[in-house]
Amino acid sequence: MKLDSTLIQTLGIGSLPEAEQRAILEKVDRRLEQVVMRVLVENCSDDEARDMQDILKQEKNLEDAIAEIALGVPRLAEKIEFAVAQEIGKLQTVLKG
């Protein structure tokens, strides 16, 4: 896993040892994936959810799958970006506290 220097700076964990940064980033990645999936579920109809499952099964890259799904759901990308930004803000607070 390549360390994301922008996310490290955003979260304020740059002074931590690399192993600790890596562990935090892995947890953050999992949490952000959960946030994205929650937004997808909240904003999709049953038919869109079935389509989403099919796309996710075919796509190896979650970002590509979400981009494809977002094409069919109005303002989905904006909602995802907003939810992710909120979650990063919460994580910053927790990590600084």
C-alpha atoms as a PDB file:
ATOM      1  CA  MET A   1       0.000   0.000   0.000  1.00  0.00           C
ATOM      2  CA  LYS A   2       1.429   3.342  -1.067  1.00  0.00           C
ATOM      3  CA  LEU A   3       1.045   6.000   1.611  1.00  0.00           C
ATOM      4  CA  ASP A   4      -1.190   8.898   0.579  1.00  0.00           C
ATOM      5  CA  SER A   5       0.767  12.008   1.581  1.00  0.00           C
ATOM      6  CA  THR A   6      -2.233  14.305   1.106  1.00  0.00           C
ATOM      7  CA  LEU A   7      -4.398  12.219   3.412  1.00  0.00           C
ATOM      8  CA  ILE A   8      -1.550  11.952   5.913  1.00  0.00           C
ATOM      9  CA  GLN A   9      -1.311  15.740   5.997  1.00  0.00           C
ATOM     10  CA  THR A  10      -5.079  16.191   6.140  1.00  0.00           C
ATOM     11  CA  LEU A  11      -5.358  13.831   9.086  1.00  0.00           C
ATOM     12  CA  GLY A  12      -2.328  15.345  10.804  1.00  0.00           C
ATOM     13  CA  ILE A  13      -0.502  12.039  11.246  1.00  0.00           C
ATOM     14  CA  GLY A  14       2.725  12.957   9.459  1.00  0.00           C
ATOM     15  CA  SER A  15       4.802  12.873  12.631  1.00  0.00           C
ATOM     16  CA  LEU A  16       3.854   9.265  13.400  1.00  0.00           C
ATOM     17  CA  PRO A  17       6.088   6.340  12.406  1.00  0.00           C
ATOM     18  CA  GLU A  18       5.348   4.951   8.927  1.00  0.00           C
ATOM     19  CA  ALA A  19       3.970   1.678  10.305  1.00  0.00           C
ATOM     20  CA  GLU A  20       1.482   3.581  12.428  1.00  0.00           C
ATOM     21  CA  GLN A  21       0.534   5.848   9.499  1.00  0.00           C
ATOM     22  CA  ARG A  22      -0.042   2.743   7.374  1.00  0.00           C
ATOM     23  CA  ALA A  23      -2.263   1.156  10.040  1.00  0.00           C
ATOM     24  CA  ILE A  24      -4.321   4.331  10.424  1.00  0.00           C
ATOM     25  CA  LEU A  25      -4.699   4.756   6.662  1.00  0.00           C
ATOM     26  CA  GLU A  26      -5.913   1.164   6.294  1.00  0.00           C
ATOM     27  CA  LYS A  27      -8.605   1.811   8.912  1.00  0.00           C
ATOM     28  CA  VAL A  28      -9.504   5.134   7.300  1.00  0.00           C
ATOM     29  CA  ASP A  29      -9.800   3.475   3.883  1.00  0.00           C
ATOM     30  CA  ARG A  30     -12.159   0.832   5.272  1.00  0.00           C
ATOM     31  CA  ARG A  31     -14.228   3.497   7.037  1.00  0.00           C
ATOM     32  CA  LEU A  32     -14.481   5.664   3.928  1.00  0.00           C
ATOM     33  CA  GLU A  33     -15.556   2.641   1.874  1.00  0.00           C
ATOM     34  CA  GLN A  34     -18.332   2.060   4.426  1.00  0.00           C
ATOM     35  CA  VAL A  35     -19.410   5.700   4.119  1.00  0.00           C
ATOM     36  CA  VAL A  36     -19.481   5.459   0.320  1.00  0.00           C
ATOM     37  CA  MET A  37     -21.494   2.242   0.422  1.00  0.00           C
ATOM     38  CA  ARG A  38     -23.975   3.794   2.870  1.00  0.00           C
ATOM     39  CA  VAL A  39     -24.506   6.767   0.542  1.00  0.00           C
ATOM     40  CA  LEU A  40     -24.970   4.406  -2.399  1.00  0.00           C
ATOM     41  CA  VAL A  41     -27.579   2.353  -0.555  1.00  0.00           C
ATOM     42  CA  GLU A  42     -29.430   5.431   0.705  1.00  0.00           C
ATOM     43  CA  ASN A  43     -29.664   6.923  -2.782  1.00  0.00           C
ATOM     44  CA  CYS A  44     -30.482   3.936  -4.958  1.00  0.00           C
ATOM     45  CA  SER A  45     -33.773   2.274  -5.741  1.00  0.00           C
ATOM     46  CA  ASP A  46     -34.056  -1.499  -5.457  1.00  0.00           C
ATOM     47  CA  ASP A  47     -33.410  -1.843  -9.190  1.00  0.00           C
ATOM     48  CA  GLU A  48     -30.385   0.457  -8.995  1.00  0.00           C
ATOM     49  CA  ALA A  49     -29.118  -1.524  -5.994  1.00  0.00           C
ATOM     50  CA  ARG A  50     -29.296  -4.738  -8.033  1.00  0.00           C
ATOM     51  CA  ASP A  51     -27.496  -3.026 -10.907  1.00  0.00           C
ATOM     52  CA  MET A  52     -24.934  -1.737  -8.410  1.00  0.00           C
ATOM     53  CA  GLN A  53     -24.283  -5.262  -7.125  1.00  0.00           C
ATOM     54  CA  ASP A  54     -23.718  -6.476 -10.683  1.00  0.00           C
ATOM     55  CA  ILE A  55     -21.317  -3.612 -11.421  1.00  0.00           C
ATOM     56  CA  LEU A  56     -19.416  -4.158  -8.169  1.00  0.00           C
ATOM     57  CA  LYS A  57     -19.041  -7.862  -8.978  1.00  0.00           C
ATOM     58  CA  GLN A  58     -17.604  -7.047 -12.416  1.00  0.00           C
ATOM     59  CA  GLU A  59     -15.377  -4.117 -11.428  1.00  0.00           C
ATOM     60  CA  LYS A  60     -12.173  -4.802  -9.552  1.00  0.00           C
ATOM     61  CA  ASN A  61     -11.697  -1.104  -8.813  1.00  0.00           C
ATOM     62  CA  LEU A  62     -14.236   0.393  -6.404  1.00  0.00           C
ATOM     63  CA  GLU A  63     -13.708   3.925  -7.752  1.00  0.00           C
ATOM     64  CA  ASP A  64     -14.475   2.811 -11.320  1.00  0.00           C
ATOM     65  CA  ALA A  65     -17.580   0.962 -10.152  1.00  0.00           C
ATOM     66  CA  ILE A  66     -18.841   3.990  -8.236  1.00  0.00           C
ATOM     67  CA  ALA A  67     -18.210   6.254 -11.222  1.00  0.00           C
ATOM     68  CA  GLU A  68     -20.297   3.951 -13.400  1.00  0.00           C
ATOM     69  CA  ILE A  69     -23.094   3.769 -10.832  1.00  0.00           C
ATOM     70  CA  ALA A  70     -23.053   7.563 -10.342  1.00  0.00           C
ATOM     71  CA  LEU A  71     -23.879   8.066 -14.024  1.00  0.00           C
ATOM     72  CA  GLY A  72     -27.376   6.748 -13.394  1.00  0.00           C
ATOM     73  CA  VAL A  73     -28.118   8.409 -10.049  1.00  0.00           C
ATOM     74  CA  PRO A  74     -28.576  12.201 -10.004  1.00  0.00           C
ATOM     75  CA  ARG A  75     -26.120  14.083  -7.766  1.00  0.00           C
ATOM     76  CA  LEU A  76     -24.718  10.851  -6.350  1.00  0.00           C
ATOM     77  CA  ALA A  77     -21.095  11.912  -6.822  1.00  0.00           C
ATOM     78  CA  GLU A  78     -21.768  15.164  -4.929  1.00  0.00           C
ATOM     79  CA  LYS A  79     -23.455  13.279  -2.093  1.00  0.00           C
ATOM     80  CA  ILE A  80     -20.540  10.864  -1.847  1.00  0.00           C
ATOM     81  CA  GLU A  81     -17.987  13.690  -1.843  1.00  0.00           C
ATOM     82  CA  PHE A  82     -19.936  15.511   0.879  1.00  0.00           C
ATOM     83  CA  ALA A  83     -20.238  12.388   3.060  1.00  0.00           C
ATOM     84  CA  VAL A  84     -16.536  11.564   2.652  1.00  0.00           C
ATOM     85  CA  ALA A  85     -15.528  15.143   3.500  1.00  0.00           C
ATOM     86  CA  GLN A  86     -17.696  15.041   6.633  1.00  0.00           C
ATOM     87  CA  GLU A  87     -16.163  11.728   7.690  1.00  0.00           C
ATOM     88  CA  ILE A  88     -12.628  13.014   7.139  1.00  0.00           C
ATOM     89  CA  GLY A  89     -13.506  16.006   9.319  1.00  0.00           C
ATOM     90  CA  LYS A  90     -14.677  13.650  12.069  1.00  0.00           C
ATOM     91  CA  LEU A  91     -11.523  11.582  11.734  1.00  0.00           C
ATOM     92  CA  GLN A  92      -9.360  14.712  11.991  1.00  0.00           C
ATOM     93  CA  THR A  93     -11.108  15.607  15.251  1.00  0.00           C
ATOM     94  CA  VAL A  94     -10.634  12.116  16.677  1.00  0.00           C
ATOM     95  CA  LEU A  95      -6.968  11.909  15.667  1.00  0.00           C
ATOM     96  CA  LYS A  96      -6.154  15.362  17.061  1.00  0.00           C
ATOM     97  CA  GLY A  97      -8.023  14.726  20.307  1.00  0.00           C
END
